[in-house]
Amino acid sequence: MSTYYGPNESQSTIQLERFFLAGDVACGVGYGIQLVLYYSCAMYLWNRRKQSRKALFLLAYITLLLSVSTIFLIVQARTVQLMYVDNRNYPGGPWPFFLATQNWAVNTIFDASLFTLTFLSDGLMLWRCWVIWTSSGKLIAYVITAFPALTLLASFIMGTLWTLESSQPGLSFYSKLPLAFGTSYYSISLGVNIILTFLITGRLLVYRKQILDSLPAEHAKGYVSLLTIIVESAATYSICAFLFLITYAVSNPANQVLLFISCAAQQITSYMIIYRLVDGRAWRKDTMYAFATQKGSSEIGQKVQMNTDNHLSTFHAASVGFALSGVEDQTTTAGTDTQNDGDLTREFASV
């Protein structure tokens, strides 16, 4: 029988530490994916800065998102160093040290940055829901998003209380009161995302049928494919957050990994939505009008119908705030594409 060289800790504590380190790896992988997506979005938005102030706003948003994610990664790495290197001989091991030092600045920043990231991404989802429903009218969009907006405000209050309680001396992320606040906060936050996911998914499915009646399937798939609906509705994050909430509420050590996976999934989803915006494939408030215009113009004559394919990139641009070219633009020759792109760019601010 081989000699045991492991720590003199309970099996449950060792399991917690294993998942904690696995979560640190998941955090690093998620951050790497975010860096790639940030670069892609930032370069495109920077090139559009002179044509639209919305481009600068979105650039500032993703920069803030990446900055907070960077802080989150740094404090997570610092926490691992403090636990397993600087204080490896703490009585009881690294995990008791982690629980006993929740009031340290590094852990307070960890909780605050996690809360900030979640709130920023929830805000983006609320905005996307409003944009998608605006196709039915602004009043309807405001009515539909009123309850999710109030729920988001409630999650902000509960998240603030959770962050403050988790950083109190003698308490931790898993103490009774912070656990209650944390479970309530993530339940509300998850509830917001589930509501928004259903609102966005339901509306896009309705649009899907209308759009498929307007255009051939190969032309409309960029707007109404199932993958598009999953990205636009942030369904991936909702699933990950749901799994985390269950494991966190029952104190299952797997929540350490699922916490970082759900956090990364939320940020990645945000970047993918914005990437679709800058790439000309995301839904915007006048996309349905653009499709209706496209359908109506196609009925004017065979010539307009034949030119639709030639100006597909122009049509794609309409979905993120680039105005759809009129019927007279569609009848022009392919040599005017550069001029059309310039006209479309000026409409980016309407996204």
Protein backbone atom coordinates (compact mmCIF):
# COMPACT_ATOMS: atom_id res chain seq x y z
CA MET A 1 0.00 0.00 0.00
CA SER A 2 1.45 3.39 -1.00
CA THR A 3 2.20 6.05 1.58
CA TYR A 4 -0.40 8.83 1.91
CA TYR A 5 1.05 12.29 1.32
CA GLY A 6 -2.22 14.21 1.25
CA PRO A 7 -3.36 16.83 3.76
CA ASN A 8 -4.83 15.94 7.12
CA GLU A 9 -8.25 17.25 6.21
CA SER A 10 -11.69 15.76 5.84
CA GLN A 11 -12.67 14.35 2.48
CA SER A 12 -15.38 16.98 2.07
CA THR A 13 -12.85 19.80 2.59
CA ILE A 14 -10.42 18.23 0.12
CA GLN A 15 -13.24 17.95 -2.40
CA LEU A 16 -14.08 21.64 -1.94
CA GLU A 17 -10.47 22.60 -2.59
CA ARG A 18 -10.34 20.44 -5.73
CA PHE A 19 -13.39 22.14 -7.17
CA PHE A 20 -12.03 25.54 -6.15
CA LEU A 21 -8.89 24.97 -8.22
CA ALA A 22 -10.94 23.57 -11.11
CA GLY A 23 -13.03 26.74 -10.97
CA ASP A 24 -9.87 28.83 -11.22
CA VAL A 25 -8.97 27.01 -14.46
CA ALA A 26 -12.49 27.57 -15.82
CA CYS A 27 -12.15 31.27 -14.96
CA GLY A 28 -8.94 31.53 -17.00
CA VAL A 29 -10.40 29.70 -20.00
CA GLY A 30 -13.49 31.90 -19.98
CA TYR A 31 -11.36 35.04 -19.79
CA GLY A 32 -9.30 33.93 -22.78
CA ILE A 33 -12.44 33.51 -24.88
CA GLN A 34 -13.61 36.96 -23.78
CA LEU A 35 -10.33 38.52 -24.88
CA VAL A 36 -10.73 37.16 -28.41
CA LEU A 37 -14.34 38.35 -28.64
CA TYR A 38 -13.47 41.74 -27.16
CA TYR A 39 -10.76 42.33 -29.76
CA SER A 40 -13.11 41.40 -32.61
CA CYS A 41 -15.87 43.69 -31.36
CA ALA A 42 -13.59 46.56 -30.36
CA MET A 43 -11.83 46.77 -33.72
CA TYR A 44 -15.10 46.91 -35.60
CA LEU A 45 -16.62 49.49 -33.23
CA TRP A 46 -13.50 51.64 -33.31
CA ASN A 47 -13.64 51.78 -37.10
CA ARG A 48 -17.27 52.94 -36.84
CA ARG A 49 -16.66 55.59 -34.15
CA LYS A 50 -16.87 58.53 -36.55
CA GLN A 51 -20.16 57.39 -38.04
CA SER A 52 -22.04 56.70 -34.82
CA ARG A 53 -21.96 57.61 -31.16
CA LYS A 54 -23.68 54.31 -30.45
CA ALA A 55 -20.49 52.61 -31.58
CA LEU A 56 -18.54 54.55 -28.96
CA PHE A 57 -21.13 53.67 -26.32
CA LEU A 58 -20.90 49.95 -27.10
CA LEU A 59 -17.10 50.20 -27.16
CA ALA A 60 -17.15 51.80 -23.71
CA TYR A 61 -19.53 49.09 -22.50
CA ILE A 62 -17.41 46.14 -23.61
CA THR A 63 -14.28 47.89 -22.32
CA LEU A 64 -15.90 48.25 -18.90
CA LEU A 65 -17.01 44.62 -19.09
CA LEU A 66 -13.48 43.44 -19.89
CA SER A 67 -11.96 45.68 -17.20
CA VAL A 68 -14.19 44.23 -14.50
CA SER A 69 -13.53 40.72 -15.83
CA THR A 70 -9.79 41.40 -15.61
CA ILE A 71 -10.13 42.53 -12.00
CA PHE A 72 -12.20 39.42 -11.31
CA LEU A 73 -9.49 37.19 -12.80
CA ILE A 74 -6.70 38.94 -10.89
CA VAL A 75 -8.36 38.68 -7.49
CA GLN A 76 -9.25 35.05 -8.15
CA ALA A 77 -5.60 34.25 -8.96
CA ARG A 78 -4.48 36.22 -5.90
CA THR A 79 -6.90 34.29 -3.70
CA VAL A 80 -5.48 30.98 -4.94
CA GLN A 81 -1.96 32.22 -4.18
CA LEU A 82 -2.92 33.28 -0.68
CA MET A 83 -4.62 29.96 0.01
CA TYR A 84 -2.18 27.46 -1.44
CA VAL A 85 1.17 29.25 -1.30
CA ASP A 86 1.39 32.10 1.20
CA ASN A 87 -0.74 30.46 3.92
CA ARG A 88 -0.55 26.77 3.14
CA ASN A 89 0.04 25.90 6.83
CA TYR A 90 -3.03 27.71 8.11
CA PRO A 91 -4.76 25.56 10.78
CA GLY A 92 -7.24 23.34 9.01
CA GLY A 93 -5.84 23.99 5.53
CA PRO A 94 -6.51 26.38 2.64
CA TRP A 95 -10.29 26.16 2.72
CA PRO A 96 -10.70 27.25 6.36
CA PHE A 97 -8.29 30.09 5.57
CA PHE A 98 -10.49 31.15 2.65
CA LEU A 99 -13.62 31.13 4.81
CA ALA A 100 -11.90 33.04 7.63
CA THR A 101 -10.60 35.86 5.42
CA GLN A 102 -13.71 36.89 3.52
CA ASN A 103 -13.41 40.41 4.91
CA TRP A 104 -10.00 40.86 3.26
CA ALA A 105 -9.93 43.35 0.42
CA VAL A 106 -9.13 40.70 -2.20
CA ASN A 107 -12.27 38.72 -1.37
CA THR A 108 -14.46 41.82 -1.11
CA ILE A 109 -13.31 42.89 -4.58
CA PHE A 110 -14.03 39.36 -5.83
CA ASP A 111 -17.65 39.52 -4.63
CA ALA A 112 -18.14 43.08 -5.90
CA SER A 113 -16.71 42.38 -9.36
CA LEU A 114 -18.82 39.22 -9.71
CA PHE A 115 -21.93 41.18 -8.81
CA THR A 116 -21.01 44.01 -11.21
CA LEU A 117 -20.45 41.63 -14.12
CA THR A 118 -23.81 39.98 -13.57
CA PHE A 119 -25.63 43.31 -13.36
CA LEU A 120 -23.98 44.68 -16.53
CA SER A 121 -24.90 41.59 -18.52
CA ASP A 122 -28.46 41.57 -17.18
CA GLY A 123 -28.78 45.19 -18.25
CA LEU A 124 -27.68 44.30 -21.77
CA MET A 125 -30.27 41.54 -21.95
CA LEU A 126 -33.00 43.93 -20.82
CA TRP A 127 -32.00 46.36 -23.56
CA ARG A 128 -32.00 43.63 -26.21
CA CYS A 129 -35.46 42.52 -25.11
CA TRP A 130 -36.71 46.09 -25.46
CA VAL A 131 -35.14 46.43 -28.92
CA ILE A 132 -36.69 43.20 -30.17
CA TRP A 133 -40.16 44.04 -28.87
CA THR A 134 -39.99 47.59 -30.24
CA SER A 135 -40.86 46.11 -33.63
CA SER A 136 -44.38 45.82 -32.21
CA GLY A 137 -44.37 49.42 -30.97
CA LYS A 138 -42.54 51.32 -28.25
CA LEU A 139 -45.50 51.34 -25.88
CA ILE A 140 -45.77 47.54 -26.04
CA ALA A 141 -42.01 47.25 -25.55
CA TYR A 142 -42.14 49.41 -22.42
CA VAL A 143 -45.05 47.43 -21.00
CA ILE A 144 -43.35 44.09 -21.72
CA THR A 145 -40.01 45.11 -20.17
CA ALA A 146 -41.47 46.93 -17.14
CA PHE A 147 -41.60 43.86 -14.91
CA PRO A 148 -38.13 42.55 -15.87
CA ALA A 149 -36.78 46.06 -15.21
CA LEU A 150 -38.28 46.13 -11.71
CA THR A 151 -36.98 42.61 -11.08
CA LEU A 152 -33.53 43.71 -12.20
CA LEU A 153 -33.68 46.59 -9.72
CA ALA A 154 -34.61 44.12 -6.98
CA SER A 155 -31.67 41.91 -7.92
CA PHE A 156 -29.37 44.95 -7.69
CA ILE A 157 -30.54 45.66 -4.13
CA MET A 158 -30.28 42.01 -3.09
CA GLY A 159 -26.87 41.66 -4.74
CA THR A 160 -25.60 44.70 -2.87
CA LEU A 161 -26.75 43.19 0.43
CA TRP A 162 -25.16 39.86 -0.48
CA THR A 163 -21.83 41.52 -1.28
CA LEU A 164 -21.84 43.52 1.96
CA GLU A 165 -22.79 40.56 4.16
CA SER A 166 -20.29 38.21 2.55
CA SER A 167 -17.43 40.58 3.39
CA GLN A 168 -18.27 41.03 7.06
CA PRO A 169 -15.72 39.80 9.65
CA GLY A 170 -16.51 36.28 10.77
CA LEU A 171 -18.79 35.64 7.81
CA SER A 172 -18.12 34.11 4.42
CA PHE A 173 -19.64 33.35 1.06
CA TYR A 174 -21.13 30.22 2.62
CA SER A 175 -22.23 31.53 6.02
CA LYS A 176 -25.91 31.27 6.83
CA LEU A 177 -26.95 34.90 6.23
CA PRO A 178 -24.78 35.54 3.15
CA LEU A 179 -25.91 32.19 1.75
CA ALA A 180 -29.53 33.25 2.17
CA PHE A 181 -28.85 36.61 0.51
CA GLY A 182 -26.77 34.96 -2.21
CA THR A 183 -29.43 32.36 -2.98
CA SER A 184 -32.10 35.09 -3.12
CA TYR A 185 -29.92 37.28 -5.32
CA TYR A 186 -29.09 34.56 -7.83
CA SER A 187 -32.70 33.38 -7.81
CA ILE A 188 -33.89 36.87 -8.75
CA SER A 189 -31.09 37.34 -11.28
CA LEU A 190 -31.81 33.96 -12.83
CA GLY A 191 -35.51 34.79 -12.81
CA VAL A 192 -34.79 37.98 -14.76
CA ASN A 193 -32.78 36.04 -17.34
CA ILE A 194 -35.39 33.30 -17.67
CA ILE A 195 -38.15 35.88 -18.16
CA LEU A 196 -36.08 37.78 -20.72
CA THR A 197 -35.08 34.54 -22.43
CA PHE A 198 -38.71 33.51 -22.85
CA LEU A 199 -39.76 36.99 -23.98
CA ILE A 200 -36.99 37.18 -26.57
CA THR A 201 -37.33 33.58 -27.72
CA GLY A 202 -41.10 33.76 -27.98
CA ARG A 203 -41.01 36.98 -29.95
CA LEU A 204 -38.31 35.76 -32.32
CA LEU A 205 -40.23 32.55 -32.96
CA VAL A 206 -43.24 34.63 -33.97
CA TYR A 207 -41.02 36.76 -36.19
CA ARG A 208 -39.48 33.60 -37.59
CA LYS A 209 -42.73 32.53 -39.21
CA GLN A 210 -43.42 36.01 -40.56
CA ILE A 211 -39.91 36.37 -41.97
CA LEU A 212 -39.89 32.95 -43.60
CA ASP A 213 -43.04 34.01 -45.39
CA SER A 214 -41.18 37.09 -46.68
CA LEU A 215 -37.85 35.66 -47.82
CA PRO A 216 -36.32 32.35 -48.86
CA ALA A 217 -35.03 30.34 -45.90
CA GLU A 218 -31.38 30.71 -46.92
CA HIS A 219 -31.70 34.51 -46.78
CA ALA A 220 -33.55 34.69 -43.47
CA LYS A 221 -31.56 32.10 -41.53
CA GLY A 222 -29.13 34.71 -40.20
CA TYR A 223 -32.00 36.27 -38.25
CA VAL A 224 -34.32 33.43 -37.31
CA SER A 225 -32.21 30.26 -37.10
CA LEU A 226 -32.36 28.33 -33.85
CA LEU A 227 -28.72 29.20 -33.12
CA THR A 228 -29.54 32.87 -33.60
CA ILE A 229 -32.44 32.64 -31.16
CA ILE A 230 -30.24 30.88 -28.59
CA VAL A 231 -27.59 33.61 -28.82
CA GLU A 232 -30.04 36.51 -28.77
CA SER A 233 -31.93 35.10 -25.78
CA ALA A 234 -28.80 34.16 -23.76
CA ALA A 235 -30.29 30.72 -23.18
CA THR A 236 -26.85 29.22 -22.56
CA TYR A 237 -26.24 31.45 -19.55
CA SER A 238 -29.70 30.74 -18.13
CA ILE A 239 -28.97 27.01 -18.17
CA CYS A 240 -25.53 27.43 -16.54
CA ALA A 241 -26.88 29.83 -13.91
CA PHE A 242 -29.71 27.44 -13.08
CA LEU A 243 -27.25 24.59 -12.47
CA PHE A 244 -25.08 26.86 -10.32
CA LEU A 245 -28.04 28.02 -8.23
CA ILE A 246 -29.08 24.46 -7.45
CA THR A 247 -25.58 23.38 -6.38
CA TYR A 248 -25.01 26.61 -4.41
CA ALA A 249 -28.30 26.32 -2.51
CA VAL A 250 -27.51 22.74 -1.41
CA SER A 251 -23.81 23.54 -0.76
CA ASN A 252 -22.58 21.07 -3.36
CA PRO A 253 -18.86 21.69 -4.07
CA ALA A 254 -19.55 21.61 -7.82
CA ASN A 255 -20.90 25.15 -7.44
CA GLN A 256 -17.27 26.34 -7.38
CA VAL A 257 -16.84 25.32 -11.01
CA LEU A 258 -20.35 26.21 -12.14
CA LEU A 259 -19.98 29.71 -10.67
CA PHE A 260 -17.09 30.51 -13.00
CA ILE A 261 -18.66 28.69 -15.95
CA SER A 262 -21.93 30.61 -15.60
CA CYS A 263 -20.08 33.90 -15.15
CA ALA A 264 -17.97 33.27 -18.26
CA ALA A 265 -21.03 32.11 -20.23
CA GLN A 266 -22.82 35.33 -19.36
CA GLN A 267 -19.96 37.55 -20.52
CA ILE A 268 -19.35 35.48 -23.65
CA THR A 269 -23.05 35.73 -24.52
CA SER A 270 -22.87 39.52 -24.12
CA TYR A 271 -19.91 39.72 -26.48
CA MET A 272 -21.61 37.46 -29.02
CA ILE A 273 -24.72 39.64 -29.02
CA ILE A 274 -22.62 42.76 -29.55
CA TYR A 275 -20.57 40.98 -32.21
CA ARG A 276 -23.78 40.19 -34.05
CA LEU A 277 -24.68 43.85 -33.76
CA VAL A 278 -21.45 45.10 -35.28
CA ASP A 279 -21.42 42.30 -37.87
CA GLY A 280 -24.85 43.25 -39.13
CA ARG A 281 -26.78 40.13 -38.11
CA ALA A 282 -28.46 40.98 -34.81
CA TRP A 283 -32.09 41.97 -34.46
CA ARG A 284 -32.91 45.66 -34.25
CA LYS A 285 -36.06 47.65 -33.68
CA ASP A 286 -36.88 48.19 -37.37
CA THR A 287 -35.82 44.79 -38.71
CA MET A 288 -39.43 43.69 -39.20
CA TYR A 289 -40.06 46.86 -41.19
CA ALA A 290 -36.99 46.06 -43.26
CA PHE A 291 -38.32 42.59 -43.98
CA ALA A 292 -41.74 43.99 -44.86
CA THR A 293 -40.10 46.50 -47.19
CA GLN A 294 -38.05 43.73 -48.74
CA LYS A 295 -41.15 41.64 -49.32
CA GLY A 296 -43.15 44.54 -50.72
CA SER A 297 -40.39 45.66 -53.04
CA SER A 298 -39.95 42.11 -54.33
CA GLU A 299 -43.55 42.17 -55.54
CA ILE A 300 -43.01 45.30 -57.66
CA GLY A 301 -41.21 43.51 -60.40
CA GLN A 302 -38.93 40.69 -61.37
CA LYS A 303 -35.95 43.03 -61.62
CA VAL A 304 -36.09 43.97 -57.95
CA GLN A 305 -36.48 40.32 -56.99
CA MET A 306 -33.36 39.34 -58.93
CA ASN A 307 -31.29 42.12 -57.34
CA THR A 308 -32.14 41.04 -53.78
CA ASP A 309 -29.42 38.40 -53.78
CA ASN A 310 -26.86 40.83 -55.16
CA HIS A 311 -27.49 43.20 -52.26
CA LEU A 312 -27.72 40.60 -49.51
CA SER A 313 -24.89 42.22 -47.55
CA THR A 314 -26.83 45.50 -47.59
CA PHE A 315 -29.87 43.66 -46.28
CA HIS A 316 -27.83 42.05 -43.53
CA ALA A 317 -26.56 45.44 -42.47
CA ALA A 318 -30.11 46.59 -41.85
CA SER A 319 -30.45 44.30 -38.84
CA VAL A 320 -28.04 46.31 -36.70
CA GLY A 321 -29.03 49.79 -37.53
CA PHE A 322 -27.78 50.25 -41.06
CA ALA A 323 -30.78 51.43 -43.07
CA LEU A 324 -32.11 49.04 -45.67
CA SER A 325 -31.61 50.46 -49.13
CA GLY A 326 -34.80 51.43 -50.91
CA VAL A 327 -36.16 49.88 -54.05
CA GLU A 328 -34.39 52.41 -56.18
CA ASP A 329 -31.06 51.44 -54.59
CA GLN A 330 -31.71 47.79 -55.37
CA THR A 331 -32.04 48.49 -59.05
CA THR A 332 -28.60 50.05 -59.30
CA THR A 333 -25.54 48.22 -60.56
CA ALA A 334 -23.07 46.29 -58.43
CA GLY A 335 -20.52 49.06 -58.93
CA THR A 336 -22.40 51.29 -56.42
CA ASP A 337 -21.87 48.94 -53.45
CA THR A 338 -19.22 51.21 -51.91
CA GLN A 339 -21.53 54.22 -52.00
CA ASN A 340 -24.37 52.18 -50.47
CA ASP A 341 -22.14 51.02 -47.62
CA GLY A 342 -21.31 54.62 -46.82
CA ASP A 343 -25.02 55.50 -46.71
CA LEU A 344 -25.73 52.53 -44.47
CA THR A 345 -23.00 53.41 -42.02
CA ARG A 346 -24.60 56.76 -41.29
CA GLU A 347 -27.67 54.94 -39.99
CA PHE A 348 -25.79 52.92 -37.35
CA ALA A 349 -27.01 55.29 -34.64
CA SER A 350 -30.55 54.00 -34.98
CA VAL A 351 -29.73 50.60 -33.47
